[in-house]
Amino acid sequence: MVNLDITWTKGPALDDSDSGLPPEVIAEGIVRDLQAALNEFTAIARSLGGEVDVPEAEVE
């Protein structure tokens, strides 16, 4: 039998109530992380020979 229970832990950087950072700064960090992940997935798909049509987004 296999146990697939997953426990999610919340890192201190993700706890916006303790970080003291304004929500805009937290949101900008999330957008940067998501864009980086999208770029990595796009690169992997292209390296596997897939045609990927992903518009490039500018992150400030």
N, C-alpha and C. Protein backbone atom coordinates (compact mmCIF):
# COMPACT_ATOMS: atom_id res chain seq x y z
N MET A 1 0.84 -1.17 0.00
CA MET A 1 0.00 0.00 0.00
C MET A 1 0.90 1.25 0.00
N VAL A 2 0.49 2.24 -0.74
CA VAL A 2 1.26 3.48 -0.87
C VAL A 2 0.51 4.61 -0.18
N ASN A 3 1.24 5.39 0.60
CA ASN A 3 0.66 6.54 1.28
C ASN A 3 0.96 7.78 0.47
N LEU A 4 -0.07 8.44 -0.03
CA LEU A 4 0.11 9.65 -0.84
C LEU A 4 -0.31 10.91 -0.09
N ASP A 5 -0.32 10.84 1.24
CA ASP A 5 -0.66 12.02 2.02
C ASP A 5 0.41 13.08 1.84
N ILE A 6 -0.03 14.30 1.56
CA ILE A 6 0.89 15.42 1.37
C ILE A 6 0.58 16.47 2.44
N THR A 7 1.60 16.91 3.11
CA THR A 7 1.44 17.98 4.10
C THR A 7 2.12 19.22 3.56
N TRP A 8 1.35 20.29 3.45
CA TRP A 8 1.90 21.53 2.96
C TRP A 8 2.38 22.36 4.14
N THR A 9 3.60 22.83 4.02
CA THR A 9 4.12 23.71 5.05
C THR A 9 4.22 25.10 4.48
N LYS A 10 3.99 26.04 5.32
CA LYS A 10 4.01 27.43 4.89
C LYS A 10 5.32 28.04 5.33
N GLY A 11 6.13 28.44 4.35
CA GLY A 11 7.41 29.05 4.65
C GLY A 11 7.23 30.45 5.21
N PRO A 12 8.21 30.92 5.95
CA PRO A 12 8.09 32.25 6.53
C PRO A 12 7.98 33.35 5.48
N ALA A 13 8.55 33.15 4.31
CA ALA A 13 8.48 34.17 3.27
C ALA A 13 7.07 34.28 2.68
N LEU A 14 6.26 33.24 2.85
CA LEU A 14 4.92 33.25 2.29
C LEU A 14 3.88 33.79 3.26
N ASP A 15 4.27 34.00 4.49
CA ASP A 15 3.33 34.49 5.49
C ASP A 15 3.35 36.01 5.48
N ASP A 16 2.45 36.59 4.68
CA ASP A 16 2.47 38.04 4.51
C ASP A 16 2.11 38.81 5.77
N SER A 17 1.44 38.17 6.71
CA SER A 17 1.10 38.89 7.92
C SER A 17 2.32 39.12 8.80
N ASP A 18 3.32 38.25 8.70
CA ASP A 18 4.53 38.40 9.50
C ASP A 18 5.66 39.09 8.75
N SER A 19 5.57 39.18 7.44
CA SER A 19 6.68 39.71 6.66
C SER A 19 6.78 41.22 6.74
N GLY A 20 5.66 41.89 6.97
CA GLY A 20 5.66 43.34 7.02
C GLY A 20 5.73 43.97 5.64
N LEU A 21 5.73 43.16 4.58
CA LEU A 21 5.79 43.69 3.23
C LEU A 21 4.39 44.07 2.75
N PRO A 22 4.30 45.15 1.98
CA PRO A 22 2.98 45.50 1.44
C PRO A 22 2.53 44.45 0.42
N PRO A 23 1.22 44.29 0.28
CA PRO A 23 0.70 43.28 -0.66
C PRO A 23 1.21 43.45 -2.09
N GLU A 24 1.48 44.70 -2.52
CA GLU A 24 1.97 44.91 -3.89
C GLU A 24 3.33 44.25 -4.09
N VAL A 25 4.18 44.34 -3.07
CA VAL A 25 5.53 43.74 -3.17
C VAL A 25 5.42 42.23 -3.20
N ILE A 26 4.54 41.69 -2.40
CA ILE A 26 4.33 40.24 -2.38
C ILE A 26 3.81 39.78 -3.73
N ALA A 27 2.84 40.51 -4.29
CA ALA A 27 2.27 40.15 -5.59
C ALA A 27 3.32 40.22 -6.69
N GLU A 28 4.18 41.23 -6.65
CA GLU A 28 5.23 41.34 -7.67
C GLU A 28 6.18 40.15 -7.60
N GLY A 29 6.49 39.70 -6.41
CA GLY A 29 7.35 38.52 -6.26
C GLY A 29 6.69 37.27 -6.81
N ILE A 30 5.40 37.14 -6.57
CA ILE A 30 4.66 35.99 -7.09
C ILE A 30 4.65 36.01 -8.61
N VAL A 31 4.41 37.18 -9.20
CA VAL A 31 4.40 37.30 -10.66
C VAL A 31 5.76 36.94 -11.23
N ARG A 32 6.84 37.42 -10.62
CA ARG A 32 8.19 37.08 -11.09
C ARG A 32 8.44 35.58 -11.03
N ASP A 33 8.02 34.95 -9.93
CA ASP A 33 8.21 33.50 -9.79
C ASP A 33 7.41 32.73 -10.83
N LEU A 34 6.17 33.15 -11.07
CA LEU A 34 5.35 32.47 -12.07
C LEU A 34 5.90 32.64 -13.48
N GLN A 35 6.41 33.84 -13.79
CA GLN A 35 6.99 34.08 -15.11
C GLN A 35 8.24 33.22 -15.30
N ALA A 36 9.05 33.12 -14.26
CA ALA A 36 10.26 32.28 -14.34
C ALA A 36 9.88 30.82 -14.56
N ALA A 37 8.85 30.35 -13.86
CA ALA A 37 8.40 28.97 -14.04
C ALA A 37 7.86 28.75 -15.45
N LEU A 38 7.10 29.71 -15.96
CA LEU A 38 6.58 29.60 -17.33
C LEU A 38 7.72 29.54 -18.34
N ASN A 39 8.74 30.36 -18.13
CA ASN A 39 9.91 30.35 -19.03
C ASN A 39 10.60 28.99 -18.99
N GLU A 40 10.72 28.40 -17.81
CA GLU A 40 11.35 27.08 -17.70
C GLU A 40 10.52 26.00 -18.40
N PHE A 41 9.20 26.02 -18.19
CA PHE A 41 8.34 25.05 -18.87
C PHE A 41 8.39 25.22 -20.38
N THR A 42 8.44 26.46 -20.84
CA THR A 42 8.53 26.73 -22.27
C THR A 42 9.83 26.18 -22.84
N ALA A 43 10.92 26.41 -22.13
CA ALA A 43 12.22 25.90 -22.60
C ALA A 43 12.22 24.38 -22.66
N ILE A 44 11.62 23.73 -21.68
CA ILE A 44 11.55 22.27 -21.67
C ILE A 44 10.71 21.77 -22.84
N ALA A 45 9.56 22.40 -23.06
CA ALA A 45 8.69 21.98 -24.17
C ALA A 45 9.40 22.14 -25.50
N ARG A 46 10.10 23.25 -25.67
CA ARG A 46 10.82 23.47 -26.93
C ARG A 46 11.96 22.48 -27.10
N SER A 47 12.65 22.13 -26.00
CA SER A 47 13.75 21.17 -26.10
C SER A 47 13.24 19.78 -26.45
N LEU A 48 11.98 19.52 -26.14
CA LEU A 48 11.38 18.24 -26.48
C LEU A 48 10.74 18.26 -27.87
N GLY A 49 10.91 19.37 -28.57
CA GLY A 49 10.42 19.46 -29.94
C GLY A 49 9.00 19.99 -30.06
N GLY A 50 8.45 20.49 -28.97
CA GLY A 50 7.10 21.01 -29.02
C GLY A 50 7.07 22.43 -29.56
N GLU A 51 5.97 22.74 -30.22
CA GLU A 51 5.77 24.11 -30.68
C GLU A 51 5.02 24.85 -29.58
N VAL A 52 5.65 25.89 -29.08
CA VAL A 52 5.08 26.61 -27.95
C VAL A 52 4.82 28.05 -28.36
N ASP A 53 3.59 28.48 -28.17
CA ASP A 53 3.23 29.86 -28.49
C ASP A 53 2.87 30.57 -27.19
N VAL A 54 3.89 31.14 -26.56
CA VAL A 54 3.69 31.83 -25.30
C VAL A 54 4.16 33.26 -25.47
N PRO A 55 3.25 34.22 -25.30
CA PRO A 55 3.68 35.62 -25.41
C PRO A 55 4.62 35.96 -24.26
N GLU A 56 5.65 36.70 -24.58
CA GLU A 56 6.60 37.13 -23.57
C GLU A 56 5.98 38.25 -22.75
N ALA A 57 6.01 38.12 -21.45
CA ALA A 57 5.46 39.15 -20.57
C ALA A 57 6.61 39.92 -19.95
N GLU A 58 6.41 41.19 -19.80
CA GLU A 58 7.41 42.02 -19.15
C GLU A 58 7.15 42.07 -17.66
N VAL A 59 8.18 41.82 -16.89
CA VAL A 59 8.07 41.88 -15.45
C VAL A 59 8.95 43.01 -14.98
N GLU A 60 8.36 43.92 -14.24
CA GLU A 60 9.13 45.08 -13.76
C GLU A 60 9.82 44.74 -12.47
